[in-house]
Protein backbone atom coordinates (compact mmCIF):
# COMPACT_ATOMS: atom_id res chain seq x y z
CA MET A 1 -6.33 11.70 8.74
CA ALA A 2 -8.07 9.15 6.73
CA LEU A 3 -11.78 10.42 7.81
CA ASP A 4 -11.34 13.74 6.96
CA HIS A 5 -11.35 13.52 3.32
CA PRO A 6 -12.44 10.43 0.79
CA LEU A 7 -10.88 9.03 -1.85
CA GLN A 8 -11.86 10.63 -5.02
CA ILE A 9 -11.16 8.91 -8.37
CA GLY A 10 -13.56 9.65 -11.35
CA ALA A 11 -17.08 9.14 -9.87
CA VAL A 12 -15.59 6.71 -7.06
CA CYS A 13 -15.99 8.34 -3.97
CA VAL A 14 -15.13 6.15 -0.61
CA ARG A 15 -14.25 6.98 2.65
CA PRO A 16 -11.55 5.94 4.43
CA GLY A 17 -10.02 4.52 1.85
CA LEU A 18 -9.70 0.67 2.28
CA LEU A 19 -8.90 -1.61 -0.63
CA LEU A 20 -8.46 -4.95 -1.79
CA ALA A 21 -5.43 -5.63 -3.50
CA PRO A 22 -5.57 -7.53 -7.09
CA MET A 23 -4.46 -10.88 -6.17
CA GLU A 24 -4.14 -14.00 -8.71
CA ASP A 25 -6.39 -17.14 -7.41
CA VAL A 26 -6.97 -15.08 -4.60
CA SER A 27 -9.29 -11.87 -5.59
CA GLU A 28 -11.91 -13.87 -7.38
CA HIS A 29 -15.52 -12.86 -6.87
CA PRO A 30 -16.35 -14.90 -3.95
CA PHE A 31 -13.49 -13.24 -1.79
CA ARG A 32 -14.54 -9.89 -3.13
CA LEU A 33 -17.91 -9.95 -2.11
CA VAL A 34 -16.70 -11.42 1.01
CA CYS A 35 -14.35 -8.48 1.83
CA ARG A 36 -16.90 -5.99 0.71
CA GLN A 37 -19.70 -7.31 3.43
CA LEU A 38 -16.54 -6.87 5.93
CA GLY A 39 -16.08 -3.00 4.92
CA ALA A 40 -13.72 -2.92 2.07
CA ASP A 41 -14.60 0.33 0.06
CA MET A 42 -13.42 -0.70 -3.40
CA VAL A 43 -12.10 -3.88 -4.78
CA TYR A 44 -9.82 -5.37 -7.95
CA THR A 45 -10.27 -7.98 -9.76
CA GLU A 46 -7.45 -10.88 -10.40
CA PHE A 47 -5.14 -9.45 -12.51
CA VAL A 48 -5.89 -10.27 -16.31
CA ASN A 49 -3.25 -10.57 -18.94
CA ALA A 50 -3.83 -8.82 -22.03
CA GLU A 51 -2.61 -11.23 -24.48
CA GLY A 52 -4.08 -14.58 -23.05
CA LEU A 53 -7.49 -12.55 -23.27
CA LEU A 54 -6.71 -11.26 -26.74
CA ARG A 55 -6.18 -15.05 -27.58
CA GLU A 56 -8.82 -17.14 -26.12
CA ASP A 57 -10.85 -19.38 -28.06
CA PRO A 58 -14.66 -18.42 -27.85
CA ASP A 59 -15.37 -21.87 -28.18
CA GLY A 60 -12.86 -23.15 -25.52
CA PRO A 61 -11.99 -22.51 -21.54
CA ARG A 62 -12.50 -18.75 -21.24
CA ARG A 63 -10.46 -18.18 -17.89
CA SER A 64 -9.18 -15.04 -18.92
CA SER A 65 -12.62 -13.52 -19.73
CA HIS A 66 -13.90 -15.04 -16.70
CA LYS A 67 -11.94 -12.90 -14.57
CA LEU A 68 -13.64 -9.66 -15.82
CA ASP A 69 -16.74 -11.12 -14.39
CA PHE A 70 -18.51 -9.15 -11.15
CA THR A 71 -21.84 -8.41 -9.84
CA ALA A 72 -23.28 -4.88 -8.71
CA ALA A 73 -22.81 -6.12 -5.18
CA GLU A 74 -18.87 -5.77 -5.37
CA ARG A 75 -18.98 -2.09 -6.77
CA PRO A 76 -16.63 -0.10 -6.64
CA LEU A 77 -14.54 -2.32 -8.37
CA GLY A 78 -11.51 -2.01 -10.73
CA ILE A 79 -10.59 -4.69 -13.33
CA GLN A 80 -6.34 -4.46 -13.19
CA ILE A 81 -5.00 -5.87 -16.70
CA TYR A 82 -1.22 -6.37 -17.43
CA GLY A 83 0.94 -6.66 -20.31
CA ALA A 84 4.13 -5.66 -22.20
CA SER A 85 2.78 -4.82 -25.53
CA GLU A 86 0.76 -1.21 -25.88
CA LEU A 87 -1.10 -2.57 -28.73
CA SER A 88 -2.54 -5.60 -26.76
CA MET A 89 -2.87 -3.29 -23.70
CA GLU A 90 -5.33 -1.10 -25.85
CA GLU A 91 -7.41 -4.08 -26.98
CA ALA A 92 -7.61 -5.50 -24.04
CA THR A 93 -8.76 -2.16 -22.15
CA ARG A 94 -11.47 -1.97 -24.88
CA ILE A 95 -12.84 -5.63 -23.90
CA ALA A 96 -12.51 -4.75 -20.36
CA SER A 97 -14.17 -1.33 -20.40
CA GLU A 98 -17.18 -2.87 -22.23
CA ARG A 99 -18.05 -4.39 -18.79
CA GLU A 100 -18.51 -1.26 -17.11
CA PRO A 101 -16.45 -1.25 -14.33
CA ASP A 102 -15.72 1.58 -12.12
CA LEU A 103 -11.85 2.22 -13.59
CA ILE A 104 -9.56 0.25 -15.44
CA ASP A 105 -6.01 -0.44 -13.40
CA ILE A 106 -2.80 -0.88 -15.11
CA ASN A 107 -0.46 -3.44 -13.38
CA CYS A 108 3.08 -2.25 -13.13
CA GLY A 109 4.44 -3.88 -10.17
CA CYS A 110 3.62 -7.71 -10.42
CA TRP A 111 7.46 -8.75 -9.46
CA VAL A 112 7.09 -12.66 -10.12
CA SER A 113 9.71 -13.61 -12.98
CA ASN A 114 7.28 -15.01 -15.89
CA VAL A 115 5.89 -11.31 -15.57
CA ALA A 116 8.46 -9.03 -14.57
CA LEU A 117 11.22 -10.75 -16.84
CA ARG A 118 8.83 -10.61 -19.87
CA GLY A 119 8.37 -6.95 -19.51
CA ALA A 120 5.12 -6.43 -17.92
CA GLY A 121 4.32 -6.04 -14.50
CA ALA A 122 7.04 -4.30 -12.45
CA GLY A 123 9.45 -4.89 -15.73
CA LEU A 124 8.02 -1.69 -17.03
CA LEU A 125 9.64 0.01 -14.17
CA ARG A 126 12.97 -0.52 -16.52
CA ASP A 127 11.75 0.85 -19.24
CA LEU A 128 9.83 4.00 -18.73
CA PRO A 129 9.30 4.99 -22.08
CA GLN A 130 7.56 2.09 -22.87
CA MET A 131 5.52 2.41 -19.40
CA ARG A 132 4.13 5.62 -20.91
CA GLN A 133 3.33 4.22 -24.20
CA VAL A 134 1.32 1.63 -22.75
CA VAL A 135 -0.63 3.96 -20.22
CA ARG A 136 -1.32 6.48 -23.04
CA ARG A 137 -2.56 3.64 -24.99
CA VAL A 138 -4.70 2.33 -22.10
CA ARG A 139 -6.10 6.05 -21.25
CA ALA A 140 -6.77 6.58 -25.19
CA ALA A 141 -9.23 2.95 -25.35
CA THR A 142 -11.40 3.66 -22.71
CA HIS A 143 -13.84 6.19 -21.28
CA LEU A 144 -13.60 4.90 -17.66
CA PRO A 145 -10.74 6.34 -15.15
CA VAL A 146 -7.15 4.90 -15.20
CA THR A 147 -5.12 3.75 -12.67
CA VAL A 148 -1.77 2.39 -12.02
CA LYS A 149 -0.33 -0.07 -9.29
CA THR A 150 3.33 -0.19 -9.26
CA ARG A 151 6.53 -0.72 -6.92
CA LEU A 152 9.16 1.57 -5.45
CA GLY A 153 11.38 0.77 -8.34
CA TRP A 154 13.38 -2.51 -9.96
CA ASP A 155 15.72 -2.47 -7.18
CA ALA A 156 17.10 -0.19 -4.54
CA ALA A 157 19.98 1.31 -6.78
CA SER A 158 16.84 2.39 -9.55
CA ILE A 159 14.21 3.75 -7.54
CA GLN A 160 12.60 6.46 -9.64
CA ILE A 161 8.88 6.23 -8.07
CA VAL A 162 8.30 10.32 -7.85
CA GLU A 163 9.53 10.87 -11.41
CA VAL A 164 7.15 7.77 -12.35
CA ALA A 165 4.11 9.50 -10.25
CA LYS A 166 5.02 12.82 -12.46
CA MET A 167 4.80 11.31 -15.62
CA LEU A 168 1.73 9.13 -14.76
CA GLN A 169 -0.11 12.06 -14.00
CA ASP A 170 0.87 14.10 -17.08
CA GLU A 171 -0.13 10.80 -19.11
CA GLY A 172 -3.89 11.32 -17.20
CA VAL A 173 -3.77 8.76 -14.66
CA GLN A 174 -5.95 9.19 -11.75
CA ALA A 175 -4.80 7.82 -9.02
CA LEU A 176 -1.33 5.74 -8.11
CA ALA A 177 -1.07 3.05 -5.36
CA VAL A 178 2.39 1.96 -4.91
CA HIS A 179 3.86 -1.03 -3.03
CA CYS A 180 6.20 0.18 -0.72
CA ARG A 181 9.06 -2.39 -1.90
CA THR A 182 11.44 -2.81 -4.79
CA ARG A 183 10.74 -5.87 -7.36
CA ALA A 184 14.02 -7.03 -6.05
CA GLN A 185 12.19 -7.32 -2.68
CA GLY A 186 9.24 -9.51 -3.82
CA HIS A 187 7.62 -9.63 -0.51
CA LYS A 188 10.68 -9.66 1.49
CA GLY A 189 12.44 -7.03 3.48
CA ASP A 190 11.18 -3.73 4.89
CA VAL A 191 8.79 -1.84 3.56
CA ASP A 192 9.48 2.08 3.11
CA TYR A 193 6.96 4.13 3.59
CA SER A 194 9.50 7.37 3.40
CA TRP A 195 8.20 7.52 -0.55
CA ILE A 196 4.93 8.26 0.06
CA PRO A 197 5.05 11.80 1.64
CA ARG A 198 7.40 12.65 -1.67
CA ILE A 199 5.21 11.27 -4.33
CA LYS A 200 2.41 13.13 -2.38
CA ALA A 201 4.20 16.19 -2.40
CA ALA A 202 5.05 16.03 -6.38
CA VAL A 203 1.55 15.04 -7.48
CA GLU A 204 -2.10 16.20 -6.92
CA ILE A 205 -3.54 12.58 -8.11
CA PRO A 206 -4.19 9.85 -5.07
CA VAL A 207 -2.01 7.99 -3.74
CA ILE A 208 -2.89 4.88 -2.21
CA LEU A 209 -0.13 3.02 -0.04
CA ASN A 210 0.16 -0.86 -0.37
CA GLY A 211 2.27 -3.13 1.76
CA ASP A 212 2.40 -4.70 5.42
CA ILE A 213 -0.92 -3.25 6.53
CA ILE A 214 -1.74 -6.06 8.44
CA SER A 215 -3.55 -4.44 11.55
CA PRO A 216 -5.78 -1.49 12.62
CA GLN A 217 -2.64 0.03 13.92
CA SER A 218 -0.53 -0.42 11.18
CA ALA A 219 -3.43 1.10 8.92
CA ARG A 220 -3.65 4.42 11.03
CA ALA A 221 0.55 4.83 11.11
CA ALA A 222 0.45 4.67 7.64
CA PHE A 223 -2.49 6.98 7.16
CA ASP A 224 -1.31 9.59 9.80
CA SER A 225 2.67 9.66 9.16
CA THR A 226 2.35 9.52 5.01
CA GLY A 227 -0.61 11.44 4.28
CA CYS A 228 -1.71 8.64 1.78
CA ASP A 229 -5.10 9.06 0.29
CA ALA A 230 -6.06 5.08 1.06
CA VAL A 231 -4.15 1.83 1.86
CA MET A 232 -4.26 -1.05 -0.02
CA ILE A 233 -4.63 -4.41 1.72
CA GLY A 234 -3.78 -8.24 0.32
CA ARG A 235 -1.84 -10.81 1.68
CA ALA A 236 -3.05 -9.99 5.46
CA ALA A 237 -6.51 -10.03 3.93
CA ILE A 238 -6.20 -13.61 3.41
CA ARG A 239 -5.03 -14.21 6.67
CA HIS A 240 -7.93 -11.98 8.19
CA PRO A 241 -10.70 -10.82 6.32
CA TRP A 242 -12.12 -9.25 9.22
CA LEU A 243 -9.29 -6.82 8.72
CA PHE A 244 -11.35 -4.29 7.05
CA ARG A 245 -13.97 -4.00 9.60
CA GLU A 246 -11.33 -3.82 12.31
CA ILE A 247 -9.48 -1.07 10.33
CA ARG A 248 -12.45 0.99 9.70
CA HIS A 249 -13.70 0.59 13.60
CA HIS A 250 -10.52 1.61 14.75
CA LEU A 251 -10.20 4.94 12.65
CA GLU A 252 -14.02 5.81 13.53
CA THR A 253 -13.38 5.39 17.54
CA GLY A 254 -9.78 4.61 18.13
CA GLU A 255 -10.67 1.20 19.75
CA LEU A 256 -10.12 -2.24 18.73
CA LEU A 257 -12.62 -4.74 18.30
CA ASP A 258 -12.46 -8.29 19.85
CA GLU A 259 -11.20 -10.85 17.51
CA PRO A 260 -13.37 -13.27 15.62
CA THR A 261 -14.70 -16.02 17.53
CA PRO A 262 -14.72 -19.73 16.39
CA LEU A 263 -18.61 -19.59 15.93
CA GLU A 264 -17.97 -16.47 13.56
CA ARG A 265 -15.09 -17.65 12.10
CA ALA A 266 -16.87 -21.17 10.77
CA GLU A 267 -20.19 -19.17 9.87
CA LEU A 268 -18.30 -16.92 7.50
CA CYS A 269 -15.95 -19.91 5.76
CA LEU A 270 -19.36 -21.41 5.09
CA HIS A 271 -20.52 -18.23 3.52
CA HIS A 272 -17.33 -18.20 1.52
CA LEU A 273 -17.92 -21.59 0.69
CA GLN A 274 -21.39 -21.50 -0.52
CA LEU A 275 -20.35 -18.27 -2.53
CA SER A 276 -17.37 -20.09 -4.25
CA ILE A 277 -19.92 -23.10 -5.29
CA GLU A 278 -22.02 -20.78 -6.61
CA HIS A 279 -19.34 -18.84 -8.69
CA SER A 280 -17.27 -21.86 -9.74
CA GLY A 281 -19.60 -24.90 -9.70
CA GLU A 282 -18.70 -27.85 -7.01
CA ARG A 283 -15.43 -29.36 -8.01
CA TYR A 284 -13.37 -25.74 -8.74
CA GLY A 285 -15.70 -24.29 -5.69
CA LEU A 286 -14.14 -26.70 -3.66
CA ILE A 287 -10.45 -26.72 -4.78
CA SER A 288 -10.63 -22.70 -4.57
CA MET A 289 -11.68 -22.88 -1.08
CA ARG A 290 -8.33 -24.60 0.14
CA ARG A 291 -6.10 -21.33 0.03
CA HIS A 292 -8.83 -19.54 2.72
CA TYR A 293 -9.32 -22.14 5.42
CA ALA A 294 -5.81 -21.44 7.22
CA GLY A 295 -7.25 -17.86 7.41
CA TYR A 296 -10.44 -18.38 8.68
CA PHE A 297 -9.37 -20.55 11.48
CA ARG A 298 -6.05 -18.84 11.77
CA GLY A 299 -4.80 -19.02 15.62
CA VAL A 300 -7.65 -21.50 16.72
CA ARG A 301 -6.38 -24.47 18.44
CA GLY A 302 -6.04 -27.33 16.10
CA ALA A 303 -6.09 -25.07 13.21
CA ALA A 304 -3.53 -26.86 11.18
CA GLN A 305 -5.35 -30.16 11.83
CA LEU A 306 -8.75 -28.73 10.78
CA ARG A 307 -7.22 -27.26 7.60
CA GLY A 308 -5.61 -30.23 6.54
CA GLU A 309 -9.17 -31.78 7.17
CA LEU A 310 -11.24 -29.60 5.38
CA CYS A 311 -8.77 -29.61 2.40
CA GLN A 312 -9.59 -33.55 2.17
CA PHE A 313 -13.17 -33.25 1.13
CA ARG A 314 -13.99 -33.74 -2.72
CA GLU A 315 -17.63 -33.00 -2.38
CA LEU A 316 -19.58 -30.37 -0.98
CA ALA A 317 -22.32 -31.79 1.30
CA PRO A 318 -19.88 -33.49 4.10
CA LEU A 319 -17.98 -30.16 4.09
CA GLU A 320 -20.88 -28.48 4.78
CA ALA A 321 -21.97 -30.65 7.43
CA ARG A 322 -18.65 -30.32 8.98
CA LEU A 323 -18.70 -26.69 9.25
CA ARG A 324 -22.01 -26.48 10.17
CA GLN A 325 -20.98 -28.57 12.85
CA LEU A 326 -18.10 -26.36 13.87
CA ALA A 327 -20.53 -23.16 13.73
CA THR A 328 -23.03 -24.91 16.09
CA ARG A 329 -20.76 -26.17 18.32
CA PRO A 330 -17.79 -24.07 18.70
CA ASP A 331 -17.16 -25.65 21.92
CA THR A 332 -15.58 -28.90 19.85
CA SER A 333 -11.58 -29.43 20.76
CA GLU A 334 -11.22 -28.07 17.06
CA ALA A 335 -12.48 -24.72 17.43
CA ALA A 336 -11.68 -24.27 20.93
CA VAL A 337 -10.73 -20.40 21.49
CA ALA A 338 -6.80 -19.65 21.38
CA VAL A 339 -7.09 -16.77 18.88
CA THR A 340 -4.04 -14.75 18.38
CA ALA A 341 -3.80 -11.31 16.62
CA ILE A 342 -2.58 -11.13 13.00
CA SER A 343 1.35 -11.12 13.08
């Protein structure tokens, strides 16, 4: 059971092991802070392109290196990097390690074509000798714990995750996160948790389960049925960031918390907005928030119309005023309660 033993990775020791997955354009500093405040035990940066980091013009926009920024309030935190070249990954690891995160994570699971078909991310599952070389170079380039996030395999006919786990352990990887789908599935089709006990039986390093943890009940079932050391939550956290708090409460008490009220939803959205502006400035902060409105007001009557309205704001002051109105007048028609569970 998750509460019986902590997740231990180097100096990181957390319990029960509720992790926010690295997600491009989502797991930025503001959202990481929100999830930590709601009970996430550990968070990860967006995945950082090793080549992009090395080629970045010091006098130009620094999008890749900007992803390495974090604050003490986000710890424990892992920086995730990806790339097909072991030499680029080695140098990117040195740069990332200078920021002193709690660990370096290697992305061997991204399934999108412009990553995987170039030999990075899940593309490394088609070239295990190259995966070994990447891991070996990364390990040699840092004093920090190195972990890996991957998938079951490239497709259903080429699942070698047990062999991959053994190889990674032999190379000194200190934990393995497994999205329980193949690269061919993307985010579609059923997850297959049956591989997690097989991996656990083959290696001694912590094994983190990822994929379709969408409710407190699904998290408990994953811990109980697989013996995983932690669960990693991605898209469900976007839809419902309170999920971390709800899972923790359910694991500790066996009870289910009530859904957040419209008032709580508006207040947290306003808090996230303020963090986003502080981090990215008004223009980009407003843009980056647009992907979160659907989650904050999911299940609330008039949510689609409200989301459309909030996305139209181009200046901070009127948007703040609208959210404050929702937070102080939860009985308005747009914020009337009709909350449904995450599906």
